[in-house]
């Protein structure tokens, strides 16, 4: 069973865009199968075997999620963040404005998926 301390250690060491594959592999190695990160307040829900689940505390003030999703704006905000032009908080606000409620990392499939408030998958990216 993994702990939030283990997850925090991995995040602090490998939680940058450039090391996402290693980050997901390290989470998988401690038993995290997938996790959802919620744009509203930055908290995450981590899932493992045998229904093991941990919930992290919020990391920022509440952002309002747009009712209507905008895939083009989602791509723009992700590109800006990838280029280092926004920090985590600016990216999160941009995703909220784009109608993204959460993203899900799958440590087995090595993917990240973005979802709107209705649970519709807006975008899935493979992590290499």
C-alpha atoms as a PDB file:
ATOM      1  CA  UNK A   1       0.000   0.000   0.000  1.00  0.00           C
ATOM      2  CA  UNK A   2       1.417   3.345  -1.041  1.00  0.00           C
ATOM      3  CA  UNK A   3       1.364   6.483   1.092  1.00  0.00           C
ATOM      4  CA  UNK A   4       1.034  10.201   0.394  1.00  0.00           C
ATOM      5  CA  UNK A   5       4.606  10.628   1.686  1.00  0.00           C
ATOM      6  CA  UNK A   6       5.872   8.212  -0.983  1.00  0.00           C
ATOM      7  CA  UNK A   7       3.854   9.993  -3.661  1.00  0.00           C
ATOM      8  CA  UNK A   8       5.136  13.412  -2.509  1.00  0.00           C
ATOM      9  CA  UNK A   9       8.733  12.161  -2.629  1.00  0.00           C
ATOM     10  CA  UNK A  10       8.289  10.930  -6.194  1.00  0.00           C
ATOM     11  CA  UNK A  11       6.513  14.136  -7.203  1.00  0.00           C
ATOM     12  CA  UNK A  12       9.250  16.313  -5.713  1.00  0.00           C
ATOM     13  CA  UNK A  13      11.941  14.294  -7.503  1.00  0.00           C
ATOM     14  CA  UNK A  14      10.311  13.547 -10.873  1.00  0.00           C
ATOM     15  CA  UNK A  15       7.179  15.697 -11.111  1.00  0.00           C
ATOM     16  CA  UNK A  16       8.345  17.890 -14.000  1.00  0.00           C
ATOM     17  CA  UNK A  17       7.102  17.677 -17.593  1.00  0.00           C
ATOM     18  CA  UNK A  18      10.526  16.480 -18.815  1.00  0.00           C
ATOM     19  CA  UNK A  19      10.476  13.449 -16.512  1.00  0.00           C
ATOM     20  CA  UNK A  20       6.831  12.379 -16.834  1.00  0.00           C
ATOM     21  CA  UNK A  21       7.631   8.828 -18.077  1.00  0.00           C
ATOM     22  CA  UNK A  22       9.944   8.208 -15.103  1.00  0.00           C
ATOM     23  CA  UNK A  23       7.393   9.825 -12.792  1.00  0.00           C
ATOM     24  CA  UNK A  24       4.627   7.475 -13.918  1.00  0.00           C
ATOM     25  CA  UNK A  25       6.936   4.443 -13.743  1.00  0.00           C
ATOM     26  CA  UNK A  26       7.947   5.368 -10.182  1.00  0.00           C
ATOM     27  CA  UNK A  27       4.300   5.759  -9.136  1.00  0.00           C
ATOM     28  CA  UNK A  28       3.487   2.414 -10.722  1.00  0.00           C
ATOM     29  CA  UNK A  29       6.395   0.804  -8.865  1.00  0.00           C
ATOM     30  CA  UNK A  30       4.827   1.743  -5.505  1.00  0.00           C
ATOM     31  CA  UNK A  31       1.399   0.496  -6.593  1.00  0.00           C
ATOM     32  CA  UNK A  32      -0.383   3.543  -8.039  1.00  0.00           C
ATOM     33  CA  UNK A  33      -2.419   2.307 -11.004  1.00  0.00           C
ATOM     34  CA  UNK A  34      -3.912   5.680 -11.899  1.00  0.00           C
ATOM     35  CA  UNK A  35      -4.673   9.027 -10.399  1.00  0.00           C
ATOM     36  CA  UNK A  36      -7.081  11.856 -11.035  1.00  0.00           C
ATOM     37  CA  UNK A  37      -5.960  15.430 -10.486  1.00  0.00           C
ATOM     38  CA  UNK A  38      -8.844  17.862 -10.089  1.00  0.00           C
ATOM     39  CA  UNK A  39      -8.409  21.343 -11.538  1.00  0.00           C
ATOM     40  CA  UNK A  40     -10.908  22.889  -9.104  1.00  0.00           C
ATOM     41  CA  UNK A  41      -8.483  22.873  -6.159  1.00  0.00           C
ATOM     42  CA  UNK A  42      -5.514  20.753  -7.268  1.00  0.00           C
ATOM     43  CA  UNK A  43      -6.265  17.763  -5.026  1.00  0.00           C
ATOM     44  CA  UNK A  44      -5.553  14.304  -6.423  1.00  0.00           C
ATOM     45  CA  UNK A  45      -7.101  10.894  -5.901  1.00  0.00           C
ATOM     46  CA  UNK A  46      -4.685   7.956  -6.194  1.00  0.00           C
ATOM     47  CA  UNK A  47      -5.885   4.421  -6.914  1.00  0.00           C
ATOM     48  CA  UNK A  48      -4.138   1.096  -6.391  1.00  0.00           C
ATOM     49  CA  UNK A  49      -4.907  -2.598  -6.143  1.00  0.00           C
ATOM     50  CA  UNK A  50      -7.651  -3.936  -3.873  1.00  0.00           C
ATOM     51  CA  UNK A  51      -9.559  -0.616  -3.991  1.00  0.00           C
ATOM     52  CA  UNK A  52      -6.723   1.219  -2.209  1.00  0.00           C
ATOM     53  CA  UNK A  53      -7.375   4.962  -2.538  1.00  0.00           C
ATOM     54  CA  UNK A  54      -5.663   8.032  -1.132  1.00  0.00           C
ATOM     55  CA  UNK A  55      -6.778  11.641  -1.494  1.00  0.00           C
ATOM     56  CA  UNK A  56      -4.283  14.492  -1.291  1.00  0.00           C
ATOM     57  CA  UNK A  57      -5.156  17.889   0.160  1.00  0.00           C
ATOM     58  CA  UNK A  58      -5.982  20.858  -2.104  1.00  0.00           C
ATOM     59  CA  UNK A  59      -2.989  22.837  -3.389  1.00  0.00           C
ATOM     60  CA  UNK A  60      -4.603  26.094  -4.499  1.00  0.00           C
ATOM     61  CA  UNK A  61      -7.726  28.196  -4.164  1.00  0.00           C
ATOM     62  CA  UNK A  62     -10.799  27.019  -6.011  1.00  0.00           C
ATOM     63  CA  UNK A  63     -10.967  27.642  -9.750  1.00  0.00           C
ATOM     64  CA  UNK A  64     -14.318  27.759 -11.508  1.00  0.00           C
ATOM     65  CA  UNK A  65     -14.543  25.204 -14.316  1.00  0.00           C
ATOM     66  CA  UNK A  66     -16.139  26.534 -17.511  1.00  0.00           C
ATOM     67  CA  UNK A  67     -19.430  24.862 -18.349  1.00  0.00           C
ATOM     68  CA  UNK A  68     -18.546  24.501 -22.020  1.00  0.00           C
ATOM     69  CA  UNK A  69     -15.253  22.882 -22.952  1.00  0.00           C
ATOM     70  CA  UNK A  70     -12.955  24.364 -25.574  1.00  0.00           C
ATOM     71  CA  UNK A  71     -10.555  21.845 -27.083  1.00  0.00           C
ATOM     72  CA  UNK A  72      -8.582  24.480 -28.992  1.00  0.00           C
ATOM     73  CA  UNK A  73      -7.985  26.477 -25.799  1.00  0.00           C
ATOM     74  CA  UNK A  74      -6.993  23.264 -23.999  1.00  0.00           C
ATOM     75  CA  UNK A  75      -4.291  22.630 -26.622  1.00  0.00           C
ATOM     76  CA  UNK A  76      -3.058  26.227 -26.352  1.00  0.00           C
ATOM     77  CA  UNK A  77      -2.714  26.058 -22.552  1.00  0.00           C
ATOM     78  CA  UNK A  78      -0.919  22.710 -22.686  1.00  0.00           C
ATOM     79  CA  UNK A  79       1.498  24.015 -25.324  1.00  0.00           C
ATOM     80  CA  UNK A  80       2.236  27.164 -23.297  1.00  0.00           C
ATOM     81  CA  UNK A  81       2.987  25.026 -20.254  1.00  0.00           C
ATOM     82  CA  UNK A  82       5.130  22.601 -22.248  1.00  0.00           C
ATOM     83  CA  UNK A  83       7.166  25.563 -23.514  1.00  0.00           C
ATOM     84  CA  UNK A  84       7.695  26.777 -19.947  1.00  0.00           C
ATOM     85  CA  UNK A  85       5.632  29.919 -20.421  1.00  0.00           C
ATOM     86  CA  UNK A  86       3.207  29.093 -17.586  1.00  0.00           C
ATOM     87  CA  UNK A  87       3.602  27.588 -14.153  1.00  0.00           C
ATOM     88  CA  UNK A  88       1.344  24.880 -12.699  1.00  0.00           C
ATOM     89  CA  UNK A  89      -1.145  27.416 -11.315  1.00  0.00           C
ATOM     90  CA  UNK A  90      -1.408  29.394 -14.565  1.00  0.00           C
ATOM     91  CA  UNK A  91      -1.830  26.179 -16.523  1.00  0.00           C
ATOM     92  CA  UNK A  92      -4.526  24.981 -14.105  1.00  0.00           C
ATOM     93  CA  UNK A  93      -6.438  28.264 -14.425  1.00  0.00           C
ATOM     94  CA  UNK A  94      -6.179  27.995 -18.213  1.00  0.00           C
ATOM     95  CA  UNK A  95      -7.478  24.430 -18.144  1.00  0.00           C
ATOM     96  CA  UNK A  96     -10.365  25.492 -15.886  1.00  0.00           C
ATOM     97  CA  UNK A  97     -11.203  28.275 -18.348  1.00  0.00           C
ATOM     98  CA  UNK A  98     -11.083  25.644 -21.117  1.00  0.00           C
ATOM     99  CA  UNK A  99     -13.666  23.488 -19.344  1.00  0.00           C
ATOM    100  CA  UNK A 100     -11.304  20.807 -18.040  1.00  0.00           C
ATOM    101  CA  UNK A 101     -12.413  19.369 -14.702  1.00  0.00           C
ATOM    102  CA  UNK A 102      -9.607  16.857 -14.221  1.00  0.00           C
ATOM    103  CA  UNK A 103      -6.799  14.958 -15.810  1.00  0.00           C
ATOM    104  CA  UNK A 104      -6.072  11.291 -15.266  1.00  0.00           C
ATOM    105  CA  UNK A 105      -2.651   9.667 -15.390  1.00  0.00           C
ATOM    106  CA  UNK A 106      -2.747   5.937 -16.119  1.00  0.00           C
ATOM    107  CA  UNK A 107       0.554   4.410 -14.980  1.00  0.00           C
ATOM    108  CA  UNK A 108      -0.078   1.111 -16.761  1.00  0.00           C
ATOM    109  CA  UNK A 109      -1.208   2.482 -20.139  1.00  0.00           C
ATOM    110  CA  UNK A 110       1.214   5.437 -19.813  1.00  0.00           C
ATOM    111  CA  UNK A 111      -1.406   7.998 -20.800  1.00  0.00           C
ATOM    112  CA  UNK A 112      -2.835  11.271 -19.597  1.00  0.00           C
ATOM    113  CA  UNK A 113      -6.473  12.036 -20.361  1.00  0.00           C
ATOM    114  CA  UNK A 114      -8.357  15.306 -19.859  1.00  0.00           C
ATOM    115  CA  UNK A 115     -12.064  15.324 -18.949  1.00  0.00           C
ATOM    116  CA  UNK A 116     -14.816  17.900 -18.818  1.00  0.00           C
ATOM    117  CA  UNK A 117     -17.401  18.301 -16.038  1.00  0.00           C
ATOM    118  CA  UNK A 118     -19.729  15.756 -17.660  1.00  0.00           C
ATOM    119  CA  UNK A 119     -16.961  13.146 -17.665  1.00  0.00           C
ATOM    120  CA  UNK A 120     -16.382  13.362 -21.409  1.00  0.00           C
ATOM    121  CA  UNK A 121     -12.850  12.592 -22.530  1.00  0.00           C
ATOM    122  CA  UNK A 122     -11.527  15.670 -24.322  1.00  0.00           C
ATOM    123  CA  UNK A 123      -7.995  14.543 -25.114  1.00  0.00           C
ATOM    124  CA  UNK A 124      -5.739  11.543 -24.482  1.00  0.00           C
ATOM    125  CA  UNK A 125      -1.969  11.736 -24.835  1.00  0.00           C
ATOM    126  CA  UNK A 126       0.448   8.838 -24.771  1.00  0.00           C
ATOM    127  CA  UNK A 127       3.460   9.366 -22.542  1.00  0.00           C
ATOM    128  CA  UNK A 128       6.782   8.329 -24.083  1.00  0.00           C
END
